[in-house]
PDB file of all heavy atoms in Angstrom:
ATOM      1  N   PRO A   1     -82.496 -22.747 183.235  1.00  0.00           N
ATOM      2  CA  PRO A   1     -82.925 -21.491 182.606  1.00  0.00           C
ATOM      3  C   PRO A   1     -82.878 -21.587 181.082  1.00  0.00           C
ATOM      4  O   PRO A   1     -82.232 -22.468 180.516  1.00  0.00           O
ATOM      5  CB  PRO A   1     -81.883 -20.489 183.112  1.00  0.00           C
ATOM      6  CG  PRO A   1     -80.644 -21.310 183.300  1.00  0.00           C
ATOM      7  CD  PRO A   1     -81.104 -22.684 183.723  1.00  0.00           C
ATOM      8  N   LYS A   2     -83.549 -20.660 180.440  1.00  0.00           N
ATOM      9  CA  LYS A   2     -83.481 -20.557 178.983  1.00  0.00           C
ATOM     10  C   LYS A   2     -82.134 -19.976 178.580  1.00  0.00           C
ATOM     11  O   LYS A   2     -81.646 -19.028 179.201  1.00  0.00           O
ATOM     12  CB  LYS A   2     -84.612 -19.654 178.478  1.00  0.00           C
ATOM     13  CG  LYS A   2     -84.711 -19.563 176.963  1.00  0.00           C
ATOM     14  CD  LYS A   2     -85.929 -18.745 176.547  1.00  0.00           C
ATOM     15  CE  LYS A   2     -86.053 -18.691 175.030  1.00  0.00           C
ATOM     16  NZ  LYS A   2     -87.264 -17.932 174.608  1.00  0.00           N
ATOM     17  N   GLU A   3     -81.519 -20.546 177.553  1.00  0.00           N
ATOM     18  CA  GLU A   3     -80.231 -20.045 177.079  1.00  0.00           C
ATOM     19  C   GLU A   3     -80.409 -18.664 176.443  1.00  0.00           C
ATOM     20  O   GLU A   3     -81.374 -18.442 175.702  1.00  0.00           O
ATOM     21  CB  GLU A   3     -79.616 -21.005 176.048  1.00  0.00           C
ATOM     22  CG  GLU A   3     -79.312 -22.395 176.602  1.00  0.00           C
ATOM     23  CD  GLU A   3     -78.194 -22.390 177.623  1.00  0.00           C
ATOM     24  OE1 GLU A   3     -77.237 -21.597 177.482  1.00  0.00           O
ATOM     25  OE2 GLU A   3     -78.269 -23.187 178.578  1.00  0.00           O
ATOM     26  N   ILE A   4     -79.474 -17.763 176.733  1.00  0.00           N
ATOM     27  CA  ILE A   4     -79.594 -16.397 176.204  1.00  0.00           C
ATOM     28  C   ILE A   4     -78.447 -16.012 175.278  1.00  0.00           C
ATOM     29  O   ILE A   4     -78.442 -14.907 174.743  1.00  0.00           O
ATOM     30  CB  ILE A   4     -79.697 -15.368 177.346  1.00  0.00           C
ATOM     31  CG1 ILE A   4     -78.454 -15.398 178.245  1.00  0.00           C
ATOM     32  CG2 ILE A   4     -80.966 -15.599 178.157  1.00  0.00           C
ATOM     33  CD1 ILE A   4     -78.422 -14.274 179.274  1.00  0.00           C
ATOM     34  N   LYS A   5     -77.478 -16.918 175.063  1.00  0.00           N
ATOM     35  CA  LYS A   5     -76.437 -16.612 174.086  1.00  0.00           C
ATOM     36  C   LYS A   5     -77.091 -16.517 172.708  1.00  0.00           C
ATOM     37  O   LYS A   5     -77.999 -17.285 172.392  1.00  0.00           O
ATOM     38  CB  LYS A   5     -75.353 -17.693 174.099  1.00  0.00           C
ATOM     39  CG  LYS A   5     -74.121 -17.327 173.292  1.00  0.00           C
ATOM     40  CD  LYS A   5     -72.944 -18.218 173.631  1.00  0.00           C
ATOM     41  CE  LYS A   5     -71.685 -17.721 172.913  1.00  0.00           C
ATOM     42  NZ  LYS A   5     -70.490 -18.470 173.314  1.00  0.00           N
ATOM     43  N   PRO A   6     -76.656 -15.575 171.854  1.00  0.00           N
ATOM     44  CA  PRO A   6     -77.317 -15.394 170.559  1.00  0.00           C
ATOM     45  C   PRO A   6     -77.418 -16.683 169.751  1.00  0.00           C
ATOM     46  O   PRO A   6     -76.440 -17.418 169.617  1.00  0.00           O
ATOM     47  CB  PRO A   6     -76.415 -14.363 169.853  1.00  0.00           C
ATOM     48  CG  PRO A   6     -75.817 -13.572 170.974  1.00  0.00           C
ATOM     49  CD  PRO A   6     -75.586 -14.570 172.075  1.00  0.00           C
ATOM     50  N   GLN A   7     -78.615 -16.943 169.234  1.00  0.00           N
ATOM     51  CA  GLN A   7     -78.911 -18.106 168.392  1.00  0.00           C
ATOM     52  C   GLN A   7     -78.561 -19.432 169.062  1.00  0.00           C
ATOM     53  O   GLN A   7     -78.190 -20.396 168.397  1.00  0.00           O
ATOM     54  CB  GLN A   7     -78.195 -18.017 167.028  1.00  0.00           C
ATOM     55  CG  GLN A   7     -78.737 -16.956 166.100  1.00  0.00           C
ATOM     56  CD  GLN A   7     -78.207 -15.583 166.451  1.00  0.00           C
ATOM     57  OE1 GLN A   7     -77.007 -15.395 166.581  1.00  0.00           O
ATOM     58  NE2 GLN A   7     -79.100 -14.617 166.600  1.00  0.00           N
ATOM     59  N   GLU A   8     -78.688 -19.491 170.384  1.00  0.00           N
ATOM     60  CA  GLU A   8     -78.496 -20.760 171.086  1.00  0.00           C
ATOM     61  C   GLU A   8     -79.868 -21.343 171.380  1.00  0.00           C
ATOM     62  O   GLU A   8     -80.616 -20.811 172.204  1.00  0.00           O
ATOM     63  CB  GLU A   8     -77.702 -20.556 172.382  1.00  0.00           C
ATOM     64  CG  GLU A   8     -77.481 -21.840 173.155  1.00  0.00           C
ATOM     65  CD  GLU A   8     -76.901 -22.943 172.279  1.00  0.00           C
ATOM     66  OE1 GLU A   8     -75.723 -22.840 171.905  1.00  0.00           O
ATOM     67  OE2 GLU A   8     -77.651 -23.900 171.954  1.00  0.00           O
ATOM     68  N   PHE A   9     -80.183 -22.423 170.699  1.00  0.00           N
ATOM     69  CA  PHE A   9     -81.520 -23.005 170.785  1.00  0.00           C
ATOM     70  C   PHE A   9     -81.561 -24.284 171.616  1.00  0.00           C
ATOM     71  O   PHE A   9     -82.626 -24.870 171.804  1.00  0.00           O
ATOM     72  CB  PHE A   9     -82.054 -23.281 169.375  1.00  0.00           C
ATOM     73  CG  PHE A   9     -82.071 -22.063 168.493  1.00  0.00           C
ATOM     74  CD1 PHE A   9     -81.166 -21.937 167.435  1.00  0.00           C
ATOM     75  CD2 PHE A   9     -82.961 -21.031 168.734  1.00  0.00           C
ATOM     76  CE1 PHE A   9     -81.172 -20.813 166.624  1.00  0.00           C
ATOM     77  CE2 PHE A   9     -82.974 -19.899 167.921  1.00  0.00           C
ATOM     78  CZ  PHE A   9     -82.078 -19.783 166.862  1.00  0.00           C
ATOM     79  N   ARG A  10     -80.406 -24.749 172.070  1.00  0.00           N
ATOM     80  CA  ARG A  10     -80.385 -25.950 172.903  1.00  0.00           C
ATOM     81  C   ARG A  10     -80.921 -25.637 174.302  1.00  0.00           C
ATOM     82  O   ARG A  10     -81.097 -24.485 174.679  1.00  0.00           O
ATOM     83  CB  ARG A  10     -78.963 -26.509 173.004  1.00  0.00           C
ATOM     84  CG  ARG A  10     -78.423 -27.085 171.712  1.00  0.00           C
ATOM     85  CD  ARG A  10     -76.953 -27.448 171.803  1.00  0.00           C
ATOM     86  NE  ARG A  10     -76.110 -26.252 171.862  1.00  0.00           N
ATOM     87  CZ  ARG A  10     -74.780 -26.291 171.955  1.00  0.00           C
ATOM     88  NH1 ARG A  10     -74.151 -27.452 172.026  1.00  0.00           N
ATOM     89  NH2 ARG A  10     -74.087 -25.172 171.986  1.00  0.00           N
ATOM     90  N   VAL A  11     -81.148 -26.676 175.084  1.00  0.00           N
ATOM     91  CA  VAL A  11     -81.621 -26.511 176.458  1.00  0.00           C
ATOM     92  C   VAL A  11     -80.885 -27.512 177.339  1.00  0.00           C
ATOM     93  O   VAL A  11     -80.528 -28.612 176.892  1.00  0.00           O
ATOM     94  CB  VAL A  11     -83.158 -26.699 176.537  1.00  0.00           C
ATOM     95  CG1 VAL A  11     -83.586 -28.097 176.110  1.00  0.00           C
ATOM     96  CG2 VAL A  11     -83.676 -26.377 177.931  1.00  0.00           C
ATOM     97  N   GLY A  12     -80.649 -27.123 178.593  1.00  0.00           N
ATOM     98  CA  GLY A  12     -79.807 -27.922 179.484  1.00  0.00           C
ATOM     99  C   GLY A  12     -80.405 -29.244 179.918  1.00  0.00           C
ATOM    100  O   GLY A  12     -79.680 -30.182 180.226  1.00  0.00           O
ATOM    101  N   MET A  13     -81.735 -29.336 179.974  1.00  0.00           N
ATOM    102  CA  MET A  13     -82.408 -30.576 180.368  1.00  0.00           C
ATOM    103  C   MET A  13     -83.543 -30.877 179.404  1.00  0.00           C
ATOM    104  O   MET A  13     -84.331 -30.001 179.068  1.00  0.00           O
ATOM    105  CB  MET A  13     -82.974 -30.472 181.790  1.00  0.00           C
ATOM    106  CG  MET A  13     -81.938 -30.413 182.883  1.00  0.00           C
ATOM    107  SD  MET A  13     -82.703 -30.388 184.545  1.00  0.00           S
ATOM    108  CE  MET A  13     -83.285 -32.096 184.679  1.00  0.00           C
ATOM    109  N   THR A  14     -83.641 -32.106 178.970  1.00  0.00           N
ATOM    110  CA  THR A  14     -84.795 -32.553 178.201  1.00  0.00           C
ATOM    111  C   THR A  14     -85.917 -32.912 179.170  1.00  0.00           C
ATOM    112  O   THR A  14     -85.691 -33.118 180.365  1.00  0.00           O
ATOM    113  CB  THR A  14     -84.456 -33.794 177.364  1.00  0.00           C
ATOM    114  OG1 THR A  14     -84.139 -34.869 178.267  1.00  0.00           O
ATOM    115  CG2 THR A  14     -83.274 -33.539 176.432  1.00  0.00           C
ATOM    116  N   PRO A  15     -87.151 -33.005 178.684  1.00  0.00           N
ATOM    117  CA  PRO A  15     -88.223 -33.504 179.558  1.00  0.00           C
ATOM    118  C   PRO A  15     -87.922 -34.886 180.127  1.00  0.00           C
ATOM    119  O   PRO A  15     -88.269 -35.167 181.279  1.00  0.00           O
ATOM    120  CB  PRO A  15     -89.441 -33.524 178.622  1.00  0.00           C
ATOM    121  CG  PRO A  15     -89.156 -32.439 177.625  1.00  0.00           C
ATOM    122  CD  PRO A  15     -87.669 -32.522 177.389  1.00  0.00           C
ATOM    123  N   ASP A  16     -87.268 -35.745 179.344  1.00  0.00           N
ATOM    124  CA  ASP A  16     -86.912 -37.069 179.863  1.00  0.00           C
ATOM    125  C   ASP A  16     -85.946 -36.962 181.040  1.00  0.00           C
ATOM    126  O   ASP A  16     -86.070 -37.703 182.021  1.00  0.00           O
ATOM    127  CB  ASP A  16     -86.285 -37.919 178.757  1.00  0.00           C
ATOM    128  CG  ASP A  16     -87.318 -38.493 177.805  1.00  0.00           C
ATOM    129  OD1 ASP A  16     -88.523 -38.458 178.142  1.00  0.00           O
ATOM    130  OD2 ASP A  16     -86.926 -38.972 176.724  1.00  0.00           O
ATOM    131  N   ALA A  17     -84.980 -36.040 180.951  1.00  0.00           N
ATOM    132  CA  ALA A  17     -84.049 -35.838 182.060  1.00  0.00           C
ATOM    133  C   ALA A  17     -84.780 -35.303 183.287  1.00  0.00           C
ATOM    134  O   ALA A  17     -84.509 -35.715 184.427  1.00  0.00           O
ATOM    135  CB  ALA A  17     -82.935 -34.874 181.648  1.00  0.00           C
ATOM    136  N   ALA A  18     -85.722 -34.390 183.058  1.00  0.00           N
ATOM    137  CA  ALA A  18     -86.515 -33.872 184.170  1.00  0.00           C
ATOM    138  C   ALA A  18     -87.310 -34.987 184.839  1.00  0.00           C
ATOM    139  O   ALA A  18     -87.373 -35.074 186.076  1.00  0.00           O
ATOM    140  CB  ALA A  18     -87.456 -32.777 183.667  1.00  0.00           C
ATOM    141  N   ARG A  19     -87.877 -35.857 184.021  1.00  0.00           N
ATOM    142  CA  ARG A  19     -88.649 -36.979 184.562  1.00  0.00           C
ATOM    143  C   ARG A  19     -87.778 -37.881 185.435  1.00  0.00           C
ATOM    144  O   ARG A  19     -88.177 -38.320 186.519  1.00  0.00           O
ATOM    145  CB  ARG A  19     -89.274 -37.785 183.414  1.00  0.00           C
ATOM    146  CG  ARG A  19     -90.258 -38.859 183.876  1.00  0.00           C
ATOM    147  CD  ARG A  19     -90.695 -39.701 182.666  1.00  0.00           C
ATOM    148  NE  ARG A  19     -91.265 -38.885 181.614  1.00  0.00           N
ATOM    149  CZ  ARG A  19     -92.529 -38.476 181.575  1.00  0.00           C
ATOM    150  NH1 ARG A  19     -93.351 -38.824 182.548  1.00  0.00           N
ATOM    151  NH2 ARG A  19     -92.964 -37.752 180.568  1.00  0.00           N
ATOM    152  N   GLU A  20     -86.556 -38.153 184.954  1.00  0.00           N
ATOM    153  CA  GLU A  20     -85.635 -39.000 185.721  1.00  0.00           C
ATOM    154  C   GLU A  20     -85.271 -38.340 187.054  1.00  0.00           C
ATOM    155  O   GLU A  20     -85.226 -38.999 188.103  1.00  0.00           O
ATOM    156  CB  GLU A  20     -84.368 -39.264 184.907  1.00  0.00           C
ATOM    157  CG  GLU A  20     -84.562 -40.151 183.699  1.00  0.00           C
ATOM    158  CD  GLU A  20     -84.683 -41.625 184.049  1.00  0.00           C
ATOM    159  OE1 GLU A  20     -84.296 -41.997 185.173  1.00  0.00           O
ATOM    160  OE2 GLU A  20     -85.176 -42.395 183.212  1.00  0.00           O
ATOM    161  N   ALA A  21     -84.996 -37.043 187.018  1.00  0.00           N
ATOM    162  CA  ALA A  21     -84.618 -36.342 188.247  1.00  0.00           C
ATOM    163  C   ALA A  21     -85.764 -36.332 189.248  1.00  0.00           C
ATOM    164  O   ALA A  21     -85.559 -36.529 190.451  1.00  0.00           O
ATOM    165  CB  ALA A  21     -84.187 -34.917 187.917  1.00  0.00           C
ATOM    166  N   VAL A  22     -86.982 -36.115 188.767  1.00  0.00           N
ATOM    167  CA  VAL A  22     -88.150 -36.125 189.645  1.00  0.00           C
ATOM    168  C   VAL A  22     -88.340 -37.519 190.247  1.00  0.00           C
ATOM    169  O   VAL A  22     -88.666 -37.666 191.434  1.00  0.00           O
ATOM    170  CB  VAL A  22     -89.409 -35.672 188.870  1.00  0.00           C
ATOM    171  CG1 VAL A  22     -90.675 -35.907 189.701  1.00  0.00           C
ATOM    172  CG2 VAL A  22     -89.289 -34.194 188.493  1.00  0.00           C
ATOM    173  N   ALA A  23     -88.120 -38.545 189.437  1.00  0.00           N
ATOM    174  CA  ALA A  23     -88.244 -39.916 189.931  1.00  0.00           C
ATOM    175  C   ALA A  23     -87.224 -40.219 191.025  1.00  0.00           C
ATOM    176  O   ALA A  23     -87.451 -41.096 191.874  1.00  0.00           O
ATOM    177  CB  ALA A  23     -88.087 -40.909 188.778  1.00  0.00           C
ATOM    178  N   HIS A  24     -86.102 -39.493 191.011  1.00  0.00           N
ATOM    179  CA  HIS A  24     -85.086 -39.647 192.053  1.00  0.00           C
ATOM    180  C   HIS A  24     -85.390 -38.791 193.282  1.00  0.00           C
ATOM    181  O   HIS A  24     -84.582 -38.730 194.211  1.00  0.00           O
ATOM    182  CB  HIS A  24     -83.712 -39.279 191.500  1.00  0.00           C
ATOM    183  CG  HIS A  24     -83.059 -40.375 190.721  1.00  0.00           C
ATOM    184  ND1 HIS A  24     -81.834 -40.920 191.056  1.00  0.00           N
ATOM    185  CD2 HIS A  24     -83.468 -41.059 189.617  1.00  0.00           C
ATOM    186  CE1 HIS A  24     -81.500 -41.867 190.198  1.00  0.00           C
ATOM    187  NE2 HIS A  24     -82.486 -41.964 189.304  1.00  0.00           N
ATOM    188  N   GLY A  25     -86.521 -38.125 193.275  1.00  0.00           N
ATOM    189  CA  GLY A  25     -86.931 -37.360 194.440  1.00  0.00           C
ATOM    190  C   GLY A  25     -86.542 -35.898 194.431  1.00  0.00           C
ATOM    191  O   GLY A  25     -86.660 -35.212 195.452  1.00  0.00           O
ATOM    192  N   HIS A  26     -86.095 -35.386 193.307  1.00  0.00           N
ATOM    193  CA  HIS A  26     -85.659 -33.997 193.223  1.00  0.00           C
ATOM    194  C   HIS A  26     -86.744 -33.119 192.607  1.00  0.00           C
ATOM    195  O   HIS A  26     -87.629 -33.602 191.895  1.00  0.00           O
ATOM    196  CB  HIS A  26     -84.366 -33.895 192.407  1.00  0.00           C
ATOM    197  CG  HIS A  26     -83.290 -34.804 192.912  1.00  0.00           C
ATOM    198  ND1 HIS A  26     -82.714 -34.661 194.143  1.00  0.00           N
ATOM    199  CD2 HIS A  26     -82.723 -35.911 192.353  1.00  0.00           C
ATOM    200  CE1 HIS A  26     -81.815 -35.619 194.332  1.00  0.00           C
ATOM    201  NE2 HIS A  26     -81.814 -36.389 193.260  1.00  0.00           N
ATOM    202  N   ALA A  27     -86.649 -31.824 192.863  1.00  0.00           N
ATOM    203  CA  ALA A  27     -87.543 -30.850 192.246  1.00  0.00           C
ATOM    204  C   ALA A  27     -86.829 -30.229 191.051  1.00  0.00           C
ATOM    205  O   ALA A  27     -85.658 -29.862 191.143  1.00  0.00           O
ATOM    206  CB  ALA A  27     -87.921 -29.771 193.251  1.00  0.00           C
ATOM    207  N   VAL A  28     -87.539 -30.127 189.939  1.00  0.00           N
ATOM    208  CA  VAL A  28     -86.969 -29.538 188.725  1.00  0.00           C
ATOM    209  C   VAL A  28     -87.774 -28.298 188.368  1.00  0.00           C
ATOM    210  O   VAL A  28     -88.997 -28.355 188.238  1.00  0.00           O
ATOM    211  CB  VAL A  28     -86.983 -30.534 187.549  1.00  0.00           C
ATOM    212  CG1 VAL A  28     -86.453 -29.873 186.284  1.00  0.00           C
ATOM    213  CG2 VAL A  28     -86.164 -31.773 187.882  1.00  0.00           C
ATOM    214  N   ILE A  29     -87.080 -27.174 188.217  1.00  0.00           N
ATOM    215  CA  ILE A  29     -87.734 -25.929 187.817  1.00  0.00           C
ATOM    216  C   ILE A  29     -87.130 -25.476 186.491  1.00  0.00           C
ATOM    217  O   ILE A  29     -85.915 -25.423 186.330  1.00  0.00           O
ATOM    218  CB  ILE A  29     -87.598 -24.838 188.899  1.00  0.00           C
ATOM    219  CG1 ILE A  29     -86.149 -24.659 189.329  1.00  0.00           C
ATOM    220  CG2 ILE A  29     -88.452 -25.180 190.106  1.00  0.00           C
ATOM    221  CD1 ILE A  29     -85.950 -23.556 190.350  1.00  0.00           C
ATOM    222  N   VAL A  30     -87.992 -25.174 185.542  1.00  0.00           N
ATOM    223  CA  VAL A  30     -87.585 -24.848 184.179  1.00  0.00           C
ATOM    224  C   VAL A  30     -88.176 -23.496 183.815  1.00  0.00           C
ATOM    225  O   VAL A  30     -89.369 -23.253 184.039  1.00  0.00           O
ATOM    226  CB  VAL A  30     -88.067 -25.929 183.182  1.00  0.00           C
ATOM    227  CG1 VAL A  30     -87.671 -25.573 181.755  1.00  0.00           C
ATOM    228  CG2 VAL A  30     -87.522 -27.300 183.578  1.00  0.00           C
ATOM    229  N   GLN A  31     -87.356 -22.618 183.242  1.00  0.00           N
ATOM    230  CA  GLN A  31     -87.862 -21.317 182.803  1.00  0.00           C
ATOM    231  C   GLN A  31     -88.795 -21.508 181.619  1.00  0.00           C
ATOM    232  O   GLN A  31     -88.527 -22.313 180.711  1.00  0.00           O
ATOM    233  CB  GLN A  31     -86.714 -20.395 182.419  1.00  0.00           C
ATOM    234  CG  GLN A  31     -87.164 -18.977 182.064  1.00  0.00           C
ATOM    235  CD  GLN A  31     -86.004 -18.083 181.654  1.00  0.00           C
ATOM    236  OE1 GLN A  31     -84.839 -18.463 181.761  1.00  0.00           O
ATOM    237  NE2 GLN A  31     -86.318 -16.890 181.181  1.00  0.00           N
ATOM    238  N   THR A  32     -89.869 -20.789 181.608  1.00  0.00           N
ATOM    239  CA  THR A  32     -90.834 -20.913 180.519  1.00  0.00           C
ATOM    240  C   THR A  32     -90.159 -20.661 179.164  1.00  0.00           C
ATOM    241  O   THR A  32     -89.363 -19.730 179.010  1.00  0.00           O
ATOM    242  CB  THR A  32     -92.021 -19.948 180.712  1.00  0.00           C
ATOM    243  OG1 THR A  32     -92.971 -20.179 179.671  1.00  0.00           O
ATOM    244  CG2 THR A  32     -91.588 -18.493 180.690  1.00  0.00           C
ATOM    245  N   GLY A  33     -90.460 -21.507 178.207  1.00  0.00           N
ATOM    246  CA  GLY A  33     -89.908 -21.384 176.862  1.00  0.00           C
ATOM    247  C   GLY A  33     -88.493 -21.906 176.708  1.00  0.00           C
ATOM    248  O   GLY A  33     -87.933 -21.844 175.608  1.00  0.00           O
ATOM    249  N   ALA A  34     -87.902 -22.470 177.769  1.00  0.00           N
ATOM    250  CA  ALA A  34     -86.500 -22.897 177.694  1.00  0.00           C
ATOM    251  C   ALA A  34     -86.270 -23.958 176.627  1.00  0.00           C
ATOM    252  O   ALA A  34     -85.222 -23.996 175.994  1.00  0.00           O
ATOM    253  CB  ALA A  34     -86.035 -23.415 179.061  1.00  0.00           C
ATOM    254  N   GLY A  35     -87.253 -24.824 176.415  1.00  0.00           N
ATOM    255  CA  GLY A  35     -87.045 -25.934 175.491  1.00  0.00           C
ATOM    256  C   GLY A  35     -87.603 -25.729 174.101  1.00  0.00           C
ATOM    257  O   GLY A  35     -87.440 -26.605 173.232  1.00  0.00           O
ATOM    258  N   VAL A  36     -88.220 -24.580 173.858  1.00  0.00           N
ATOM    259  CA  VAL A  36     -88.927 -24.376 172.581  1.00  0.00           C
ATOM    260  C   VAL A  36     -87.990 -24.507 171.384  1.00  0.00           C
ATOM    261  O   VAL A  36     -88.342 -25.104 170.357  1.00  0.00           O
ATOM    262  CB  VAL A  36     -89.639 -23.000 172.579  1.00  0.00           C
ATOM    263  CG1 VAL A  36     -90.166 -22.667 171.191  1.00  0.00           C
ATOM    264  CG2 VAL A  36     -90.779 -22.999 173.590  1.00  0.00           C
ATOM    265  N   GLY A  37     -86.778 -23.949 171.500  1.00  0.00           N
ATOM    266  CA  GLY A  37     -85.845 -24.006 170.381  1.00  0.00           C
ATOM    267  C   GLY A  37     -85.426 -25.416 170.003  1.00  0.00           C
ATOM    268  O   GLY A  37     -85.026 -25.676 168.867  1.00  0.00           O
ATOM    269  N   ALA A  38     -85.526 -26.338 170.962  1.00  0.00           N
ATOM    270  CA  ALA A  38     -85.186 -27.734 170.703  1.00  0.00           C
ATOM    271  C   ALA A  38     -86.432 -28.591 170.474  1.00  0.00           C
ATOM    272  O   ALA A  38     -86.329 -29.811 170.377  1.00  0.00           O
ATOM    273  CB  ALA A  38     -84.376 -28.295 171.872  1.00  0.00           C
ATOM    274  N   GLY A  39     -87.581 -27.929 170.410  1.00  0.00           N
ATOM    275  CA  GLY A  39     -88.816 -28.649 170.111  1.00  0.00           C
ATOM    276  C   GLY A  39     -89.540 -29.205 171.315  1.00  0.00           C
ATOM    277  O   GLY A  39     -90.399 -30.091 171.171  1.00  0.00           O
ATOM    278  N   PHE A  40     -89.228 -28.700 172.531  1.00  0.00           N
ATOM    279  CA  PHE A  40     -89.891 -29.162 173.750  1.00  0.00           C
ATOM    280  C   PHE A  40     -90.753 -28.033 174.323  1.00  0.00           C
ATOM    281  O   PHE A  40     -90.268 -26.927 174.527  1.00  0.00           O
ATOM    282  CB  PHE A  40     -88.866 -29.603 174.794  1.00  0.00           C
ATOM    283  CG  PHE A  40     -87.936 -30.687 174.327  1.00  0.00           C
ATOM    284  CD1 PHE A  40     -86.570 -30.454 174.223  1.00  0.00           C
ATOM    285  CD2 PHE A  40     -88.423 -31.937 173.980  1.00  0.00           C
ATOM    286  CE1 PHE A  40     -85.704 -31.445 173.789  1.00  0.00           C
ATOM    287  CE2 PHE A  40     -87.562 -32.943 173.546  1.00  0.00           C
ATOM    288  CZ  PHE A  40     -86.199 -32.695 173.443  1.00  0.00           C
ATOM    289  N   THR A  41     -92.021 -28.311 174.575  1.00  0.00           N
ATOM    290  CA  THR A  41     -92.933 -27.308 175.100  1.00  0.00           C
ATOM    291  C   THR A  41     -92.914 -27.294 176.626  1.00  0.00           C
ATOM    292  O   THR A  41     -92.457 -28.245 177.268  1.00  0.00           O
ATOM    293  CB  THR A  41     -94.364 -27.575 174.626  1.00  0.00           C
ATOM    294  OG1 THR A  41     -94.824 -28.805 175.227  1.00  0.00           O
ATOM    295  CG2 THR A  41     -94.425 -27.708 173.108  1.00  0.00           C
ATOM    296  N   ASP A  42     -93.456 -26.212 177.193  1.00  0.00           N
ATOM    297  CA  ASP A  42     -93.610 -26.160 178.648  1.00  0.00           C
ATOM    298  C   ASP A  42     -94.459 -27.335 179.133  1.00  0.00           C
ATOM    299  O   ASP A  42     -94.198 -27.908 180.200  1.00  0.00           O
ATOM    300  CB  ASP A  42     -94.273 -24.852 179.062  1.00  0.00           C
ATOM    301  CG  ASP A  42     -93.342 -23.642 178.936  1.00  0.00           C
ATOM    302  OD1 ASP A  42     -92.144 -23.846 178.661  1.00  0.00           O
ATOM    303  OD2 ASP A  42     -93.830 -22.508 179.108  1.00  0.00           O
ATOM    304  N   GLU A  43     -95.463 -27.692 178.358  1.00  0.00           N
ATOM    305  CA  GLU A  43     -96.342 -28.795 178.742  1.00  0.00           C
ATOM    306  C   GLU A  43     -95.578 -30.114 178.824  1.00  0.00           C
ATOM    307  O   GLU A  43     -95.880 -30.968 179.670  1.00  0.00           O
ATOM    308  CB  GLU A  43     -97.494 -28.926 177.743  1.00  0.00           C
ATOM    309  CG  GLU A  43     -98.522 -27.791 177.810  1.00  0.00           C
ATOM    310  CD  GLU A  43     -98.000 -26.473 177.225  1.00  0.00           C
ATOM    311  OE1 GLU A  43     -97.014 -26.502 176.441  1.00  0.00           O
ATOM    312  OE2 GLU A  43     -98.559 -25.415 177.557  1.00  0.00           O
ATOM    313  N   ASP A  44     -94.586 -30.293 177.949  1.00  0.00           N
ATOM    314  CA  ASP A  44     -93.769 -31.500 178.010  1.00  0.00           C
ATOM    315  C   ASP A  44     -93.064 -31.608 179.356  1.00  0.00           C
ATOM    316  O   ASP A  44     -92.952 -32.696 179.937  1.00  0.00           O
ATOM    317  CB  ASP A  44     -92.724 -31.497 176.886  1.00  0.00           C
ATOM    318  CG  ASP A  44     -93.333 -31.632 175.500  1.00  0.00           C
ATOM    319  OD1 ASP A  44     -94.418 -32.230 175.386  1.00  0.00           O
ATOM    320  OD2 ASP A  44     -92.714 -31.133 174.536  1.00  0.00           O
ATOM    321  N   TYR A  45     -92.561 -30.465 179.846  1.00  0.00           N
ATOM    322  CA  TYR A  45     -91.861 -30.476 181.138  1.00  0.00           C
ATOM    323  C   TYR A  45     -92.841 -30.668 182.295  1.00  0.00           C
ATOM    324  O   TYR A  45     -92.536 -31.386 183.264  1.00  0.00           O
ATOM    325  CB  TYR A  45     -91.072 -29.177 181.319  1.00  0.00           C
ATOM    326  CG  TYR A  45     -89.834 -29.105 180.440  1.00  0.00           C
ATOM    327  CD1 TYR A  45     -89.853 -28.389 179.241  1.00  0.00           C
ATOM    328  CD2 TYR A  45     -88.661 -29.764 180.798  1.00  0.00           C
ATOM    329  CE1 TYR A  45     -88.736 -28.321 178.433  1.00  0.00           C
ATOM    330  CE2 TYR A  45     -87.541 -29.705 179.992  1.00  0.00           C
ATOM    331  CZ  TYR A  45     -87.576 -28.988 178.809  1.00  0.00           C
ATOM    332  OH  TYR A  45     -86.455 -28.945 178.002  1.00  0.00           O
TER     333      TYR A  45
END
């Protein structure tokens, strides 16, 4: 999910981490805009 603590711009998974998890056979679901504060777009995920 997207972080909601005030001024928290980090995100729990990078697109690279999502890619690794998918490669291991898992499904990754990311809330829209979760990575924007860290410079990662929805398209990256």
